[in-house]
Amino acid sequence: MASLYLLIPVALIFCIIAVRLLLWAINNGQYDDLDKEAWRVVMDDDAPQAPRNDNEDAEAASDDASNTPGRN
């Protein structure tokens, strides 16, 4: 029973701190737009690139192999 005299005030102080932090976050705009950051990750900002065909891939690979130092 004696421990309740300590635990109840500690729990009340903890709840008051949690409510104050929640109100601070709401007043500072932390909950204004919850979807913006989630969609920013999903949306692609890069411009679409033209698809390459297999001939260009083969030419690029042969050019890289011929330009590699130490290969004859």
N, C-alpha and C. Protein backbone atom coordinates (compact mmCIF):
# COMPACT_ATOMS: atom_id res chain seq x y z
N MET A 1 0.82 -1.20 0.00
CA MET A 1 0.00 0.00 0.00
C MET A 1 0.87 1.27 0.00
N ALA A 2 1.98 1.20 0.65
CA ALA A 2 2.85 2.36 0.74
C ALA A 2 3.43 2.72 -0.63
N SER A 3 3.61 1.71 -1.49
CA SER A 3 4.16 2.00 -2.82
C SER A 3 3.18 2.77 -3.69
N LEU A 4 1.87 2.63 -3.42
CA LEU A 4 0.88 3.38 -4.20
C LEU A 4 1.00 4.89 -3.96
N TYR A 5 1.44 5.27 -2.78
CA TYR A 5 1.62 6.70 -2.51
C TYR A 5 2.72 7.30 -3.39
N LEU A 6 3.59 6.48 -3.86
CA LEU A 6 4.63 6.93 -4.78
C LEU A 6 4.21 6.73 -6.24
N LEU A 7 3.62 5.58 -6.55
CA LEU A 7 3.31 5.25 -7.94
C LEU A 7 2.19 6.10 -8.54
N ILE A 8 1.18 6.44 -7.77
CA ILE A 8 0.07 7.23 -8.30
C ILE A 8 0.53 8.64 -8.69
N PRO A 9 1.24 9.37 -7.86
CA PRO A 9 1.73 10.69 -8.31
C PRO A 9 2.70 10.60 -9.49
N VAL A 10 3.54 9.58 -9.53
CA VAL A 10 4.45 9.42 -10.66
C VAL A 10 3.66 9.17 -11.94
N ALA A 11 2.63 8.34 -11.88
CA ALA A 11 1.79 8.07 -13.05
C ALA A 11 1.06 9.33 -13.49
N LEU A 12 0.55 10.12 -12.56
CA LEU A 12 -0.14 11.37 -12.91
C LEU A 12 0.82 12.36 -13.57
N ILE A 13 2.03 12.46 -13.04
CA ILE A 13 3.02 13.36 -13.64
C ILE A 13 3.38 12.89 -15.04
N PHE A 14 3.52 11.58 -15.20
CA PHE A 14 3.81 11.03 -16.52
C PHE A 14 2.69 11.35 -17.51
N CYS A 15 1.44 11.21 -17.09
CA CYS A 15 0.30 11.52 -17.97
C CYS A 15 0.25 13.00 -18.32
N ILE A 16 0.53 13.85 -17.36
CA ILE A 16 0.54 15.29 -17.63
C ILE A 16 1.62 15.65 -18.63
N ILE A 17 2.79 15.06 -18.49
CA ILE A 17 3.88 15.31 -19.44
C ILE A 17 3.50 14.82 -20.83
N ALA A 18 2.88 13.65 -20.92
CA ALA A 18 2.48 13.10 -22.22
C ALA A 18 1.44 13.99 -22.89
N VAL A 19 0.48 14.49 -22.15
CA VAL A 19 -0.55 15.36 -22.72
C VAL A 19 0.06 16.68 -23.17
N ARG A 20 0.98 17.22 -22.39
CA ARG A 20 1.64 18.47 -22.79
C ARG A 20 2.46 18.29 -24.06
N LEU A 21 3.16 17.17 -24.18
CA LEU A 21 3.92 16.91 -25.40
C LEU A 21 3.00 16.75 -26.61
N LEU A 22 1.86 16.10 -26.41
CA LEU A 22 0.90 15.95 -27.50
C LEU A 22 0.36 17.32 -27.94
N LEU A 23 -0.02 18.14 -26.98
CA LEU A 23 -0.53 19.48 -27.32
C LEU A 23 0.55 20.33 -27.98
N TRP A 24 1.80 20.21 -27.54
CA TRP A 24 2.89 20.95 -28.17
C TRP A 24 3.05 20.52 -29.62
N ALA A 25 3.00 19.21 -29.87
CA ALA A 25 3.16 18.71 -31.24
C ALA A 25 2.02 19.18 -32.12
N ILE A 26 0.80 19.17 -31.60
CA ILE A 26 -0.35 19.63 -32.39
C ILE A 26 -0.22 21.12 -32.70
N ASN A 27 0.16 21.92 -31.72
CA ASN A 27 0.27 23.37 -31.93
C ASN A 27 1.42 23.74 -32.86
N ASN A 28 2.44 22.92 -32.95
CA ASN A 28 3.58 23.20 -33.83
C ASN A 28 3.44 22.60 -35.21
N GLY A 29 2.28 22.04 -35.53
CA GLY A 29 2.03 21.58 -36.88
C GLY A 29 2.55 20.20 -37.20
N GLN A 30 2.87 19.40 -36.20
CA GLN A 30 3.40 18.07 -36.46
C GLN A 30 2.36 17.14 -37.08
N TYR A 31 1.09 17.42 -36.88
CA TYR A 31 0.03 16.55 -37.38
C TYR A 31 -0.78 17.21 -38.50
N ASP A 32 -0.25 18.27 -39.11
CA ASP A 32 -0.99 18.98 -40.16
C ASP A 32 -1.17 18.14 -41.42
N ASP A 33 -0.10 17.56 -41.92
CA ASP A 33 -0.18 16.82 -43.18
C ASP A 33 0.56 15.49 -43.02
N LEU A 34 -0.18 14.46 -42.66
CA LEU A 34 0.44 13.16 -42.42
C LEU A 34 0.72 12.40 -43.70
N ASP A 35 0.03 12.72 -44.79
CA ASP A 35 0.17 11.96 -46.02
C ASP A 35 1.29 12.47 -46.93
N LYS A 36 1.72 13.69 -46.76
CA LYS A 36 2.71 14.27 -47.67
C LYS A 36 4.01 13.48 -47.66
N GLU A 37 4.56 13.24 -46.50
CA GLU A 37 5.84 12.53 -46.43
C GLU A 37 5.71 11.08 -46.85
N ALA A 38 4.57 10.47 -46.58
CA ALA A 38 4.38 9.08 -47.00
C ALA A 38 4.33 8.99 -48.53
N TRP A 39 3.66 9.92 -49.18
CA TRP A 39 3.57 9.88 -50.65
C TRP A 39 4.86 10.36 -51.31
N ARG A 40 5.64 11.19 -50.61
CA ARG A 40 6.89 11.68 -51.18
C ARG A 40 7.86 10.52 -51.43
N VAL A 41 7.82 9.53 -50.58
CA VAL A 41 8.69 8.37 -50.75
C VAL A 41 8.25 7.55 -51.95
N VAL A 42 6.94 7.45 -52.16
CA VAL A 42 6.40 6.60 -53.22
C VAL A 42 6.52 7.25 -54.60
N MET A 43 6.28 8.55 -54.67
CA MET A 43 6.27 9.24 -55.95
C MET A 43 7.69 9.38 -56.50
N ASP A 44 7.83 9.19 -57.80
CA ASP A 44 9.13 9.25 -58.46
C ASP A 44 9.27 10.61 -59.12
N ASP A 45 10.30 11.36 -58.75
CA ASP A 45 10.52 12.69 -59.30
C ASP A 45 11.38 12.67 -60.56
N ASP A 46 12.03 11.57 -60.85
CA ASP A 46 12.91 11.49 -62.00
C ASP A 46 12.10 11.45 -63.29
N ALA A 47 12.67 12.05 -64.33
CA ALA A 47 12.03 11.99 -65.65
C ALA A 47 12.20 10.57 -66.20
N PRO A 48 11.19 10.07 -66.90
CA PRO A 48 11.32 8.72 -67.45
C PRO A 48 12.39 8.68 -68.54
N GLN A 49 13.15 7.61 -68.56
CA GLN A 49 14.19 7.45 -69.55
C GLN A 49 13.67 6.58 -70.68
N ALA A 50 14.22 6.83 -71.87
CA ALA A 50 13.83 6.03 -73.03
C ALA A 50 14.34 4.60 -72.85
N PRO A 51 13.55 3.62 -73.19
CA PRO A 51 14.01 2.23 -73.04
C PRO A 51 15.13 1.93 -74.03
N ARG A 52 16.10 1.12 -73.58
CA ARG A 52 17.21 0.74 -74.44
C ARG A 52 16.92 -0.63 -75.03
N ASN A 53 17.36 -0.83 -76.25
CA ASN A 53 17.18 -2.14 -76.85
C ASN A 53 18.42 -3.00 -76.59
N ASP A 54 18.35 -4.26 -76.95
CA ASP A 54 19.43 -5.20 -76.66
C ASP A 54 20.71 -4.87 -77.42
N ASN A 55 20.60 -4.31 -78.61
CA ASN A 55 21.80 -3.98 -79.38
C ASN A 55 22.64 -2.90 -78.69
N GLU A 56 21.98 -1.91 -78.11
CA GLU A 56 22.71 -0.87 -77.41
C GLU A 56 23.40 -1.44 -76.17
N ASP A 57 22.74 -2.38 -75.47
CA ASP A 57 23.35 -3.00 -74.30
C ASP A 57 24.59 -3.79 -74.69
N ALA A 58 24.52 -4.54 -75.79
CA ALA A 58 25.66 -5.34 -76.24
C ALA A 58 26.81 -4.44 -76.66
N GLU A 59 26.50 -3.34 -77.36
CA GLU A 59 27.54 -2.41 -77.78
C GLU A 59 28.20 -1.74 -76.59
N ALA A 60 27.41 -1.37 -75.60
CA ALA A 60 27.95 -0.73 -74.41
C ALA A 60 28.85 -1.69 -73.66
N ALA A 61 28.47 -2.96 -73.57
CA ALA A 61 29.29 -3.96 -72.87
C ALA A 61 30.60 -4.20 -73.62
N SER A 62 30.56 -4.26 -74.97
CA SER A 62 31.79 -4.48 -75.72
C SER A 62 32.70 -3.25 -75.64
N ASP A 63 32.11 -2.05 -75.61
CA ASP A 63 32.93 -0.85 -75.47
C ASP A 63 33.61 -0.82 -74.12
N ASP A 64 32.92 -1.22 -73.07
CA ASP A 64 33.50 -1.24 -71.74
C ASP A 64 34.64 -2.26 -71.67
N ALA A 65 34.46 -3.39 -72.28
CA ALA A 65 35.50 -4.44 -72.25
C ALA A 65 36.73 -3.99 -73.01
N SER A 66 36.55 -3.27 -74.13
CA SER A 66 37.70 -2.86 -74.94
C SER A 66 38.43 -1.68 -74.29
N ASN A 67 37.76 -0.91 -73.45
CA ASN A 67 38.39 0.24 -72.80
C ASN A 67 39.01 -0.10 -71.46
N THR A 68 38.89 -1.33 -71.02
CA THR A 68 39.44 -1.72 -69.74
C THR A 68 40.96 -1.84 -69.84
N PRO A 69 41.71 -1.13 -68.99
CA PRO A 69 43.17 -1.21 -69.06
C PRO A 69 43.65 -2.60 -68.67
N GLY A 70 44.71 -3.05 -69.31
CA GLY A 70 45.29 -4.33 -69.01
C GLY A 70 44.69 -5.48 -69.81
N ARG A 71 43.68 -5.21 -70.60
CA ARG A 71 43.09 -6.25 -71.43
C ARG A 71 43.54 -6.04 -72.86
N ASN A 72 43.85 -7.10 -73.56
CA ASN A 72 44.27 -7.00 -74.96
C ASN A 72 43.30 -7.71 -75.85
